Structures are given as C-alpha cells and as structure tokens.
N, C-alpha and C. Protein backbone atom coordinates (compact mmCIF):
# COMPACT_ATOMS: atom_id res chain seq x y z
N MET A 1 34.90 -23.72 -144.36
CA MET A 1 34.36 -25.03 -144.58
C MET A 1 32.97 -25.16 -143.97
N SER A 2 32.60 -24.23 -143.08
CA SER A 2 31.30 -24.35 -142.42
C SER A 2 30.15 -24.31 -143.42
N GLU A 3 30.30 -23.56 -144.53
CA GLU A 3 29.21 -23.54 -145.50
C GLU A 3 29.19 -24.81 -146.35
N ASN A 4 30.23 -25.62 -146.28
CA ASN A 4 30.30 -26.88 -147.01
C ASN A 4 30.47 -28.06 -146.06
N ALA A 5 29.82 -27.98 -144.93
CA ALA A 5 29.98 -29.02 -143.91
C ALA A 5 29.61 -30.40 -144.43
N ASP A 6 28.59 -30.49 -145.25
CA ASP A 6 28.18 -31.80 -145.79
C ASP A 6 29.27 -32.41 -146.66
N VAL A 7 29.93 -31.57 -147.47
CA VAL A 7 31.01 -32.04 -148.33
C VAL A 7 32.16 -32.54 -147.47
N TYR A 8 32.49 -31.77 -146.43
CA TYR A 8 33.58 -32.18 -145.53
C TYR A 8 33.22 -33.48 -144.82
N ASP A 9 32.00 -33.58 -144.30
CA ASP A 9 31.58 -34.79 -143.59
C ASP A 9 31.66 -36.01 -144.50
N GLU A 10 31.25 -35.85 -145.75
CA GLU A 10 31.32 -36.95 -146.72
C GLU A 10 32.78 -37.35 -146.98
N PHE A 11 33.63 -36.36 -147.14
CA PHE A 11 35.05 -36.64 -147.38
C PHE A 11 35.66 -37.34 -146.17
N GLU A 12 35.38 -36.84 -144.98
CA GLU A 12 35.93 -37.45 -143.77
C GLU A 12 35.45 -38.89 -143.60
N ALA A 13 34.19 -39.14 -143.89
CA ALA A 13 33.67 -40.50 -143.80
C ALA A 13 34.40 -41.42 -144.78
N GLN A 14 34.68 -40.90 -145.97
CA GLN A 14 35.41 -41.70 -146.95
C GLN A 14 36.83 -41.99 -146.46
N MET A 15 37.46 -41.02 -145.81
CA MET A 15 38.82 -41.22 -145.32
C MET A 15 38.84 -42.18 -144.13
N ASN A 16 37.74 -42.27 -143.39
CA ASN A 16 37.66 -43.16 -142.23
C ASN A 16 37.19 -44.56 -142.61
N ALA A 17 36.73 -44.74 -143.83
CA ALA A 17 36.22 -46.04 -144.27
C ALA A 17 37.35 -47.05 -144.37
N GLN A 18 36.99 -48.31 -144.34
CA GLN A 18 37.97 -49.40 -144.44
C GLN A 18 38.31 -49.68 -145.90
N SER A 19 38.59 -48.64 -146.65
CA SER A 19 38.99 -48.81 -148.05
C SER A 19 40.01 -47.73 -148.39
N ASP A 20 40.58 -47.87 -149.57
CA ASP A 20 41.57 -46.91 -150.01
C ASP A 20 40.98 -45.85 -150.94
N ALA A 21 39.66 -45.82 -151.09
CA ALA A 21 39.03 -44.91 -152.06
C ALA A 21 39.39 -43.45 -151.79
N GLY A 22 39.36 -43.02 -150.55
CA GLY A 22 39.68 -41.63 -150.23
C GLY A 22 41.13 -41.30 -150.55
N TYR A 23 42.04 -42.20 -150.20
CA TYR A 23 43.46 -41.99 -150.49
C TYR A 23 43.70 -41.98 -152.00
N GLN A 24 42.98 -42.84 -152.72
CA GLN A 24 43.12 -42.86 -154.17
C GLN A 24 42.63 -41.54 -154.78
N ARG A 25 41.57 -40.97 -154.24
CA ARG A 25 41.10 -39.67 -154.72
C ARG A 25 42.13 -38.58 -154.48
N ILE A 26 42.76 -38.61 -153.30
CA ILE A 26 43.79 -37.62 -153.00
C ILE A 26 44.97 -37.77 -153.96
N MET A 27 45.41 -39.01 -154.17
CA MET A 27 46.53 -39.24 -155.09
C MET A 27 46.18 -38.81 -156.51
N ALA A 28 44.97 -39.09 -156.96
CA ALA A 28 44.55 -38.68 -158.30
C ALA A 28 44.56 -37.16 -158.42
N GLU A 29 44.09 -36.47 -157.39
CA GLU A 29 44.08 -35.01 -157.40
C GLU A 29 45.51 -34.47 -157.38
N ALA A 30 46.37 -35.09 -156.57
CA ALA A 30 47.78 -34.66 -156.51
C ALA A 30 48.45 -34.84 -157.87
N MET A 31 48.19 -35.94 -158.52
CA MET A 31 48.80 -36.20 -159.82
C MET A 31 48.23 -35.29 -160.91
N ALA A 32 46.99 -34.87 -160.76
CA ALA A 32 46.41 -33.91 -161.71
C ALA A 32 47.07 -32.54 -161.52
N LEU A 33 47.32 -32.16 -160.27
CA LEU A 33 47.94 -30.87 -159.99
C LEU A 33 49.44 -30.86 -160.33
N VAL A 34 50.10 -31.99 -160.08
CA VAL A 34 51.55 -32.11 -160.33
C VAL A 34 51.76 -33.43 -161.08
N PRO A 35 51.68 -33.40 -162.42
CA PRO A 35 51.78 -34.63 -163.20
C PRO A 35 53.06 -35.44 -162.95
N LYS A 36 54.16 -34.84 -162.57
CA LYS A 36 55.42 -35.56 -162.33
C LYS A 36 55.41 -36.26 -160.96
N TYR A 37 54.36 -36.04 -160.16
CA TYR A 37 54.29 -36.61 -158.82
C TYR A 37 54.27 -38.14 -158.87
N ARG A 38 53.52 -38.71 -159.79
CA ARG A 38 53.42 -40.19 -159.89
C ARG A 38 54.82 -40.79 -160.06
N LYS A 39 55.61 -40.24 -160.96
CA LYS A 39 56.95 -40.76 -161.22
C LYS A 39 57.84 -40.60 -159.98
N ALA A 40 57.74 -39.45 -159.31
CA ALA A 40 58.55 -39.20 -158.12
C ALA A 40 58.20 -40.17 -156.99
N VAL A 41 56.92 -40.42 -156.79
CA VAL A 41 56.49 -41.34 -155.73
C VAL A 41 56.90 -42.77 -156.08
N THR A 42 56.72 -43.16 -157.33
CA THR A 42 57.11 -44.50 -157.76
C THR A 42 58.60 -44.72 -157.56
N LYS A 43 59.40 -43.73 -157.94
CA LYS A 43 60.85 -43.82 -157.76
C LYS A 43 61.20 -43.96 -156.28
N LYS A 44 60.54 -43.16 -155.45
CA LYS A 44 60.81 -43.20 -154.01
C LYS A 44 60.41 -44.57 -153.44
N PHE A 45 59.29 -45.09 -153.88
CA PHE A 45 58.83 -46.40 -153.39
C PHE A 45 59.83 -47.49 -153.77
N HIS A 46 60.24 -47.52 -155.03
CA HIS A 46 61.14 -48.58 -155.49
C HIS A 46 62.54 -48.47 -154.89
N SER A 47 62.95 -47.26 -154.55
CA SER A 47 64.27 -47.10 -153.92
C SER A 47 64.22 -47.42 -152.43
N GLY A 48 63.00 -47.41 -151.86
CA GLY A 48 62.86 -47.64 -150.42
C GLY A 48 63.31 -46.46 -149.59
N SER A 49 63.56 -45.35 -150.24
CA SER A 49 64.11 -44.17 -149.57
C SER A 49 63.02 -43.16 -149.25
N VAL A 50 62.55 -43.19 -148.03
CA VAL A 50 61.53 -42.21 -147.64
C VAL A 50 61.97 -41.40 -146.42
N GLU A 51 63.25 -41.49 -146.09
CA GLU A 51 63.73 -40.78 -144.91
C GLU A 51 63.56 -39.27 -145.05
N ASP A 52 63.64 -38.77 -146.28
CA ASP A 52 63.41 -37.35 -146.47
C ASP A 52 62.55 -37.16 -147.72
N THR A 53 61.95 -36.03 -147.78
CA THR A 53 61.06 -35.73 -148.90
C THR A 53 61.50 -34.47 -149.63
N LEU A 54 62.77 -34.12 -149.50
CA LEU A 54 63.25 -32.88 -150.12
C LEU A 54 63.03 -32.86 -151.62
N ASP A 55 63.22 -34.01 -152.28
CA ASP A 55 63.02 -34.05 -153.73
C ASP A 55 61.55 -33.81 -154.10
N ILE A 56 60.65 -34.39 -153.35
CA ILE A 56 59.23 -34.18 -153.64
C ILE A 56 58.81 -32.76 -153.28
N GLU A 57 59.32 -32.24 -152.17
CA GLU A 57 59.03 -30.86 -151.80
C GLU A 57 59.55 -29.89 -152.87
N ALA A 58 60.73 -30.17 -153.43
CA ALA A 58 61.30 -29.34 -154.50
C ALA A 58 60.42 -29.42 -155.75
N LEU A 59 59.92 -30.61 -156.05
CA LEU A 59 59.01 -30.78 -157.19
C LEU A 59 57.75 -29.95 -156.99
N PHE A 60 57.17 -30.01 -155.78
CA PHE A 60 55.96 -29.22 -155.50
C PHE A 60 56.23 -27.73 -155.65
N ALA A 61 57.39 -27.28 -155.17
CA ALA A 61 57.74 -25.86 -155.30
C ALA A 61 57.91 -25.49 -156.77
N ALA A 62 58.61 -26.33 -157.54
CA ALA A 62 58.83 -26.06 -158.96
C ALA A 62 57.52 -26.03 -159.74
N GLU A 63 56.58 -26.86 -159.32
CA GLU A 63 55.27 -26.92 -159.98
C GLU A 63 54.28 -25.90 -159.41
N ASN A 64 54.74 -25.09 -158.46
CA ASN A 64 53.92 -24.04 -157.86
C ASN A 64 52.63 -24.60 -157.23
N LEU A 65 52.79 -25.69 -156.50
CA LEU A 65 51.64 -26.37 -155.91
C LEU A 65 50.87 -25.48 -154.95
N GLY A 66 51.57 -24.68 -154.14
CA GLY A 66 50.88 -23.80 -153.19
C GLY A 66 49.88 -22.89 -153.88
N ALA A 67 50.30 -22.26 -154.97
CA ALA A 67 49.40 -21.37 -155.72
C ALA A 67 48.24 -22.16 -156.33
N LYS A 68 48.52 -23.38 -156.78
CA LYS A 68 47.45 -24.21 -157.35
C LYS A 68 46.41 -24.57 -156.29
N LEU A 69 46.87 -24.85 -155.07
CA LEU A 69 45.92 -25.17 -153.99
C LEU A 69 45.08 -23.96 -153.61
N VAL A 70 45.72 -22.80 -153.52
CA VAL A 70 44.97 -21.57 -153.23
C VAL A 70 43.96 -21.31 -154.33
N GLY A 71 44.39 -21.49 -155.57
CA GLY A 71 43.47 -21.31 -156.70
C GLY A 71 42.30 -22.27 -156.64
N ALA A 72 42.54 -23.49 -156.17
CA ALA A 72 41.46 -24.47 -156.06
C ALA A 72 40.43 -24.04 -155.02
N PHE A 73 40.88 -23.34 -153.98
CA PHE A 73 39.94 -22.82 -152.99
C PHE A 73 39.10 -21.70 -153.59
N GLU A 74 39.75 -20.84 -154.36
CA GLU A 74 39.06 -19.68 -154.92
C GLU A 74 38.09 -20.06 -156.01
N THR A 75 38.40 -21.07 -156.80
CA THR A 75 37.55 -21.47 -157.91
C THR A 75 37.08 -22.91 -157.71
N SER A 76 36.71 -23.22 -156.51
CA SER A 76 36.39 -24.60 -156.14
C SER A 76 35.29 -25.17 -157.03
N ARG A 77 35.66 -26.25 -157.74
CA ARG A 77 34.67 -27.00 -158.50
C ARG A 77 33.88 -27.85 -157.51
N LYS A 78 32.64 -28.09 -157.83
CA LYS A 78 31.79 -28.86 -156.92
C LYS A 78 32.38 -30.23 -156.61
N GLU A 79 33.02 -30.85 -157.59
CA GLU A 79 33.57 -32.19 -157.39
C GLU A 79 34.98 -32.18 -156.79
N SER A 80 35.56 -31.01 -156.60
CA SER A 80 36.92 -30.92 -156.06
C SER A 80 36.94 -31.33 -154.59
N ILE A 81 37.95 -32.12 -154.25
CA ILE A 81 38.12 -32.54 -152.86
C ILE A 81 39.14 -31.67 -152.14
N ILE A 82 39.75 -30.73 -152.85
CA ILE A 82 40.85 -29.96 -152.26
C ILE A 82 40.43 -29.20 -151.00
N PRO A 83 39.35 -28.43 -151.00
CA PRO A 83 39.01 -27.73 -149.75
C PRO A 83 38.78 -28.68 -148.58
N ALA A 84 38.05 -29.77 -148.82
CA ALA A 84 37.78 -30.73 -147.74
C ALA A 84 39.08 -31.41 -147.30
N ALA A 85 39.94 -31.77 -148.25
CA ALA A 85 41.19 -32.44 -147.92
C ALA A 85 42.11 -31.54 -147.10
N MET A 86 42.17 -30.27 -147.45
CA MET A 86 43.02 -29.34 -146.71
C MET A 86 42.50 -29.13 -145.28
N CYS A 87 41.20 -29.01 -145.14
CA CYS A 87 40.62 -28.87 -143.79
C CYS A 87 40.86 -30.13 -142.98
N TRP A 88 40.69 -31.29 -143.60
CA TRP A 88 40.93 -32.56 -142.92
C TRP A 88 42.39 -32.66 -142.49
N LEU A 89 43.30 -32.25 -143.37
CA LEU A 89 44.72 -32.33 -143.07
C LEU A 89 45.08 -31.49 -141.84
N PHE A 90 44.55 -30.28 -141.76
CA PHE A 90 44.95 -29.38 -140.68
C PHE A 90 44.08 -29.47 -139.44
N PHE A 91 42.81 -29.83 -139.60
CA PHE A 91 41.90 -29.79 -138.45
C PHE A 91 41.29 -31.14 -138.08
N GLY A 92 41.42 -32.12 -138.93
CA GLY A 92 40.83 -33.43 -138.67
C GLY A 92 41.83 -34.39 -138.08
N ARG A 93 41.48 -35.65 -138.09
CA ARG A 93 42.36 -36.72 -137.58
C ARG A 93 43.22 -37.27 -138.71
N SER A 94 43.66 -36.43 -139.61
CA SER A 94 44.34 -36.88 -140.81
C SER A 94 45.58 -37.70 -140.53
N PHE A 95 46.48 -37.19 -139.71
CA PHE A 95 47.73 -37.90 -139.47
C PHE A 95 47.48 -39.19 -138.71
N GLU A 96 46.61 -39.16 -137.72
CA GLU A 96 46.28 -40.37 -136.97
C GLU A 96 45.64 -41.40 -137.91
N ASN A 97 44.77 -40.92 -138.78
CA ASN A 97 44.10 -41.80 -139.74
C ASN A 97 45.12 -42.46 -140.67
N MET A 98 46.10 -41.68 -141.15
CA MET A 98 47.11 -42.23 -142.05
C MET A 98 48.00 -43.24 -141.33
N VAL A 99 48.32 -42.98 -140.07
CA VAL A 99 49.11 -43.93 -139.29
C VAL A 99 48.32 -45.22 -139.10
N GLU A 100 47.04 -45.12 -138.76
CA GLU A 100 46.21 -46.30 -138.58
C GLU A 100 46.09 -47.10 -139.87
N ARG A 101 45.92 -46.40 -140.98
CA ARG A 101 45.82 -47.08 -142.28
C ARG A 101 47.14 -47.80 -142.58
N GLY A 102 48.25 -47.16 -142.28
CA GLY A 102 49.54 -47.80 -142.48
C GLY A 102 49.68 -49.07 -141.65
N GLU A 103 49.20 -49.03 -140.41
CA GLU A 103 49.26 -50.23 -139.57
C GLU A 103 48.39 -51.35 -140.13
N GLU A 104 47.23 -50.99 -140.68
CA GLU A 104 46.37 -52.00 -141.30
C GLU A 104 47.08 -52.64 -142.49
N ILE A 105 47.76 -51.81 -143.29
CA ILE A 105 48.48 -52.33 -144.45
C ILE A 105 49.60 -53.26 -143.98
N MET A 106 50.36 -52.83 -142.96
CA MET A 106 51.48 -53.66 -142.48
C MET A 106 51.01 -54.98 -141.88
N ASN A 107 49.79 -55.01 -141.35
CA ASN A 107 49.25 -56.25 -140.76
C ASN A 107 48.59 -57.16 -141.79
N ASN A 108 48.53 -56.71 -143.02
CA ASN A 108 47.93 -57.51 -144.09
C ASN A 108 48.90 -58.64 -144.45
N PRO A 109 48.47 -59.90 -144.34
CA PRO A 109 49.39 -61.01 -144.63
C PRO A 109 49.83 -61.06 -146.10
N ASN A 110 49.14 -60.37 -146.98
CA ASN A 110 49.50 -60.37 -148.40
C ASN A 110 50.55 -59.32 -148.77
N ILE A 111 50.97 -58.53 -147.78
CA ILE A 111 51.98 -57.50 -148.01
C ILE A 111 53.36 -58.11 -147.76
N ASN A 112 54.30 -57.85 -148.67
CA ASN A 112 55.63 -58.40 -148.47
C ASN A 112 56.45 -57.51 -147.53
N ARG A 113 57.59 -58.02 -147.13
CA ARG A 113 58.44 -57.34 -146.16
C ARG A 113 58.89 -55.96 -146.65
N PHE A 114 59.26 -55.87 -147.93
CA PHE A 114 59.70 -54.59 -148.50
C PHE A 114 58.59 -53.53 -148.36
N GLN A 115 57.35 -53.91 -148.68
CA GLN A 115 56.23 -52.98 -148.57
C GLN A 115 56.00 -52.59 -147.12
N SER A 116 56.14 -53.53 -146.20
CA SER A 116 55.98 -53.22 -144.78
C SER A 116 57.04 -52.23 -144.31
N PHE A 117 58.29 -52.44 -144.74
CA PHE A 117 59.36 -51.50 -144.38
C PHE A 117 59.06 -50.11 -144.92
N PHE A 118 58.58 -50.07 -146.16
CA PHE A 118 58.26 -48.78 -146.78
C PHE A 118 57.16 -48.07 -145.99
N VAL A 119 56.09 -48.78 -145.65
CA VAL A 119 54.98 -48.18 -144.90
C VAL A 119 55.45 -47.76 -143.51
N ALA A 120 56.29 -48.57 -142.87
CA ALA A 120 56.81 -48.20 -141.54
C ALA A 120 57.60 -46.89 -141.63
N ARG A 121 58.44 -46.78 -142.66
CA ARG A 121 59.21 -45.54 -142.82
C ARG A 121 58.30 -44.35 -143.14
N MET A 122 57.27 -44.59 -143.94
CA MET A 122 56.31 -43.52 -144.25
C MET A 122 55.59 -43.07 -142.98
N THR A 123 55.27 -44.01 -142.12
CA THR A 123 54.62 -43.67 -140.85
C THR A 123 55.53 -42.78 -140.01
N LYS A 124 56.79 -43.16 -139.93
CA LYS A 124 57.76 -42.35 -139.18
C LYS A 124 57.84 -40.95 -139.79
N LEU A 125 57.89 -40.87 -141.11
CA LEU A 125 57.96 -39.58 -141.79
C LEU A 125 56.70 -38.75 -141.54
N LEU A 126 55.52 -39.38 -141.58
CA LEU A 126 54.27 -38.66 -141.32
C LEU A 126 54.27 -38.03 -139.93
N ILE A 127 54.68 -38.81 -138.95
CA ILE A 127 54.70 -38.30 -137.57
C ILE A 127 55.70 -37.15 -137.46
N LYS A 128 56.88 -37.33 -138.03
CA LYS A 128 57.90 -36.27 -137.99
C LYS A 128 57.41 -35.00 -138.68
N LYS A 129 56.82 -35.15 -139.85
CA LYS A 129 56.34 -33.97 -140.59
C LYS A 129 55.21 -33.27 -139.83
N SER A 130 54.33 -34.03 -139.21
CA SER A 130 53.23 -33.41 -138.46
C SER A 130 53.76 -32.57 -137.31
N ILE A 131 54.86 -33.03 -136.69
CA ILE A 131 55.48 -32.28 -135.60
C ILE A 131 56.24 -31.08 -136.16
N ASP A 132 57.03 -31.32 -137.22
CA ASP A 132 57.81 -30.23 -137.82
C ASP A 132 56.93 -29.08 -138.30
N LEU A 133 55.76 -29.43 -138.83
CA LEU A 133 54.84 -28.40 -139.35
C LEU A 133 54.01 -27.75 -138.25
N GLY A 134 54.08 -28.27 -137.03
CA GLY A 134 53.32 -27.70 -135.93
C GLY A 134 51.86 -28.09 -135.91
N ILE A 135 51.51 -29.12 -136.69
CA ILE A 135 50.12 -29.56 -136.75
C ILE A 135 49.82 -30.49 -135.58
N ARG A 136 50.82 -31.27 -135.17
CA ARG A 136 50.75 -32.12 -133.99
C ARG A 136 52.01 -31.86 -133.17
N THR A 137 51.94 -32.22 -131.89
CA THR A 137 53.11 -32.11 -131.02
C THR A 137 53.57 -33.52 -130.65
N ARG A 138 54.78 -33.60 -130.11
CA ARG A 138 55.27 -34.89 -129.63
C ARG A 138 54.34 -35.42 -128.55
N GLU A 139 53.84 -34.54 -127.69
CA GLU A 139 52.90 -34.96 -126.64
C GLU A 139 51.60 -35.50 -127.24
N ASP A 140 51.10 -34.89 -128.32
CA ASP A 140 49.92 -35.42 -129.00
C ASP A 140 50.15 -36.87 -129.41
N TRP A 141 51.32 -37.13 -130.01
CA TRP A 141 51.64 -38.48 -130.47
C TRP A 141 51.85 -39.43 -129.30
N ASN A 142 52.47 -38.97 -128.22
CA ASN A 142 52.64 -39.83 -127.05
C ASN A 142 51.29 -40.22 -126.47
N GLU A 143 50.38 -39.25 -126.39
CA GLU A 143 49.04 -39.53 -125.87
C GLU A 143 48.30 -40.49 -126.80
N TYR A 144 48.41 -40.27 -128.09
CA TYR A 144 47.79 -41.17 -129.07
C TYR A 144 48.32 -42.59 -128.89
N ASN A 145 49.63 -42.72 -128.74
CA ASN A 145 50.25 -44.04 -128.58
C ASN A 145 49.80 -44.70 -127.28
N ARG A 146 49.73 -43.92 -126.19
CA ARG A 146 49.26 -44.48 -124.91
C ARG A 146 47.82 -45.01 -125.05
N LEU A 147 46.96 -44.22 -125.67
CA LEU A 147 45.57 -44.63 -125.82
C LEU A 147 45.46 -45.85 -126.74
N LYS A 148 46.25 -45.88 -127.78
CA LYS A 148 46.26 -47.02 -128.69
C LYS A 148 46.64 -48.29 -127.94
N LYS A 149 47.67 -48.21 -127.08
CA LYS A 149 48.09 -49.37 -126.30
C LYS A 149 47.00 -49.82 -125.33
N VAL A 150 46.29 -48.86 -124.75
CA VAL A 150 45.18 -49.18 -123.84
C VAL A 150 44.11 -49.95 -124.61
N ILE A 151 43.78 -49.46 -125.78
CA ILE A 151 42.75 -50.11 -126.60
C ILE A 151 43.22 -51.50 -127.02
N ASP A 152 44.46 -51.60 -127.52
CA ASP A 152 44.98 -52.89 -127.98
C ASP A 152 45.06 -53.93 -126.86
N SER A 153 45.31 -53.48 -125.64
CA SER A 153 45.43 -54.41 -124.52
C SER A 153 44.09 -54.77 -123.90
N GLY A 154 43.04 -54.09 -124.32
CA GLY A 154 41.73 -54.35 -123.72
C GLY A 154 41.55 -53.67 -122.38
N GLY A 155 42.36 -52.68 -122.08
CA GLY A 155 42.33 -52.03 -120.78
C GLY A 155 41.61 -50.70 -120.73
N VAL A 156 40.63 -50.52 -121.58
CA VAL A 156 39.93 -49.23 -121.63
C VAL A 156 39.23 -48.93 -120.30
N MET A 157 38.59 -49.93 -119.71
CA MET A 157 37.87 -49.71 -118.46
C MET A 157 38.84 -49.27 -117.35
N ASP A 158 39.97 -49.96 -117.22
CA ASP A 158 40.96 -49.58 -116.21
C ASP A 158 41.48 -48.17 -116.47
N TRP A 159 41.75 -47.87 -117.71
CA TRP A 159 42.24 -46.54 -118.08
C TRP A 159 41.21 -45.46 -117.72
N ALA A 160 39.95 -45.72 -118.04
CA ALA A 160 38.89 -44.75 -117.76
C ALA A 160 38.72 -44.55 -116.25
N LEU A 161 38.76 -45.63 -115.51
CA LEU A 161 38.61 -45.52 -114.06
C LEU A 161 39.83 -44.86 -113.42
N ALA A 162 41.02 -45.16 -113.92
CA ALA A 162 42.24 -44.57 -113.38
C ALA A 162 42.24 -43.06 -113.58
N ALA A 163 41.68 -42.61 -114.68
CA ALA A 163 41.61 -41.17 -114.95
C ALA A 163 40.75 -40.48 -113.90
N ASP A 164 39.71 -41.17 -113.43
CA ASP A 164 38.84 -40.58 -112.41
C ASP A 164 39.49 -40.60 -111.03
N GLU A 165 40.49 -41.45 -110.83
CA GLU A 165 41.14 -41.57 -109.53
C GLU A 165 42.28 -40.59 -109.34
N GLN A 166 42.61 -39.82 -110.37
CA GLN A 166 43.69 -38.85 -110.24
C GLN A 166 43.32 -37.84 -109.16
N PRO A 167 44.25 -37.58 -108.26
CA PRO A 167 43.94 -36.61 -107.20
C PRO A 167 43.74 -35.22 -107.79
N THR A 168 42.76 -34.56 -107.29
CA THR A 168 42.54 -33.19 -107.73
C THR A 168 43.26 -32.27 -106.76
N GLU A 169 43.63 -31.14 -107.26
CA GLU A 169 44.34 -30.19 -106.39
C GLU A 169 43.42 -29.71 -105.29
N GLN A 170 43.95 -29.73 -104.07
CA GLN A 170 43.19 -29.25 -102.94
C GLN A 170 43.44 -27.75 -102.80
N PRO A 171 42.42 -26.99 -102.49
CA PRO A 171 42.66 -25.56 -102.30
C PRO A 171 43.56 -25.35 -101.08
N GLU A 172 44.41 -24.37 -101.18
CA GLU A 172 45.31 -24.08 -100.07
C GLU A 172 44.50 -23.62 -98.86
N GLU A 173 44.95 -24.09 -97.68
CA GLU A 173 44.28 -23.63 -96.47
C GLU A 173 44.70 -22.20 -96.19
N LYS A 174 43.78 -21.45 -95.62
CA LYS A 174 44.11 -20.07 -95.26
C LYS A 174 45.02 -20.07 -94.06
N LYS A 175 46.03 -19.24 -94.10
CA LYS A 175 46.94 -19.13 -92.97
C LYS A 175 46.26 -18.34 -91.86
N LYS A 176 46.48 -18.76 -90.63
CA LYS A 176 45.85 -18.08 -89.50
C LYS A 176 46.70 -16.95 -89.03
C-alpha cells in the first residue's frame, strides 16, 4: 500500500467522515463481488438475527470471495477500493470506526428501536470477530472503552495527568 498511500489516505478520510459514503462504497463492492450478499444481509436484518454469521461466511466461501479479493489486488483497477479497504480493515482503525459509526446511528432520534437493537448486536459481533480473527485483543477493546469513557466524561486532562503520575520502576539497589 506504500506505493498507493494517497489512495489509502483518501479512502481512510472517507471512512472517517461523518457520512455513510465510504460504507456504501464497501457494500456496493461487496455486492458486485457476491451478488447474493444483498439478499443475505437484508434477510439477516429483517430477522434481527446477527448473533452468528455462518450463513454469510458460507455464502462467501461458495462464491469464492477470497480468490476474488486476491484477484482484485493482482489486477487492481484504479477505481477499486479493495486494496485500500483491506489495508484499512487489518491495519487501520476499521473496527473502532465501525463501532463509533454504530453508536452514532443508535443515538440518532430518527432510528427506531428495532434498528438500534440490530446495530447493537452488529457492534457486539464486530468486536467478537475482531478478537476471534486476532486483529484486535480483548485488552485493545478494554483500553478503547476506557479512553472512550474518559472522553465522554470530559476527564481527558485528569486521565493525561494520572498517566504521568504512575510510579516508575526504581532500579534495584546493589547489595553490599
């Protein structure tokens, strides 16, 4: 990705923006690669069942999605977001970004309770999958949650100062 840093930076900025444009691009690309994906996601949304993704994972395997993604890297079209999206997923703030976007959606007063439940379950699934795949650890998420609470409470200054007050290890005294 280093030779395409500008493309990655543009993609990341779009994913960090206060809009759904980046997510819509990812969904459009996913549906182009796996045309049955739209129906599977719609069915999952309407059933409210997001506790597991085995059916969608089976669909991806049946559609040979892994080979399609590798092929997209090898024959990358200039307009393709796949290389940038994959780098963002594994090396960027992708999971944290998706969790934050989910919280924004759940806090939207125009969202109904069913949609909020769905997004909450998707958030739980995202965190679980990130841990299961080894992309994030439980400690990563605990630290993220602690920092989020500090920010939400307005306690950034106290948090920053407390970090400086942590005792440092003293070197052992030499025995006489």
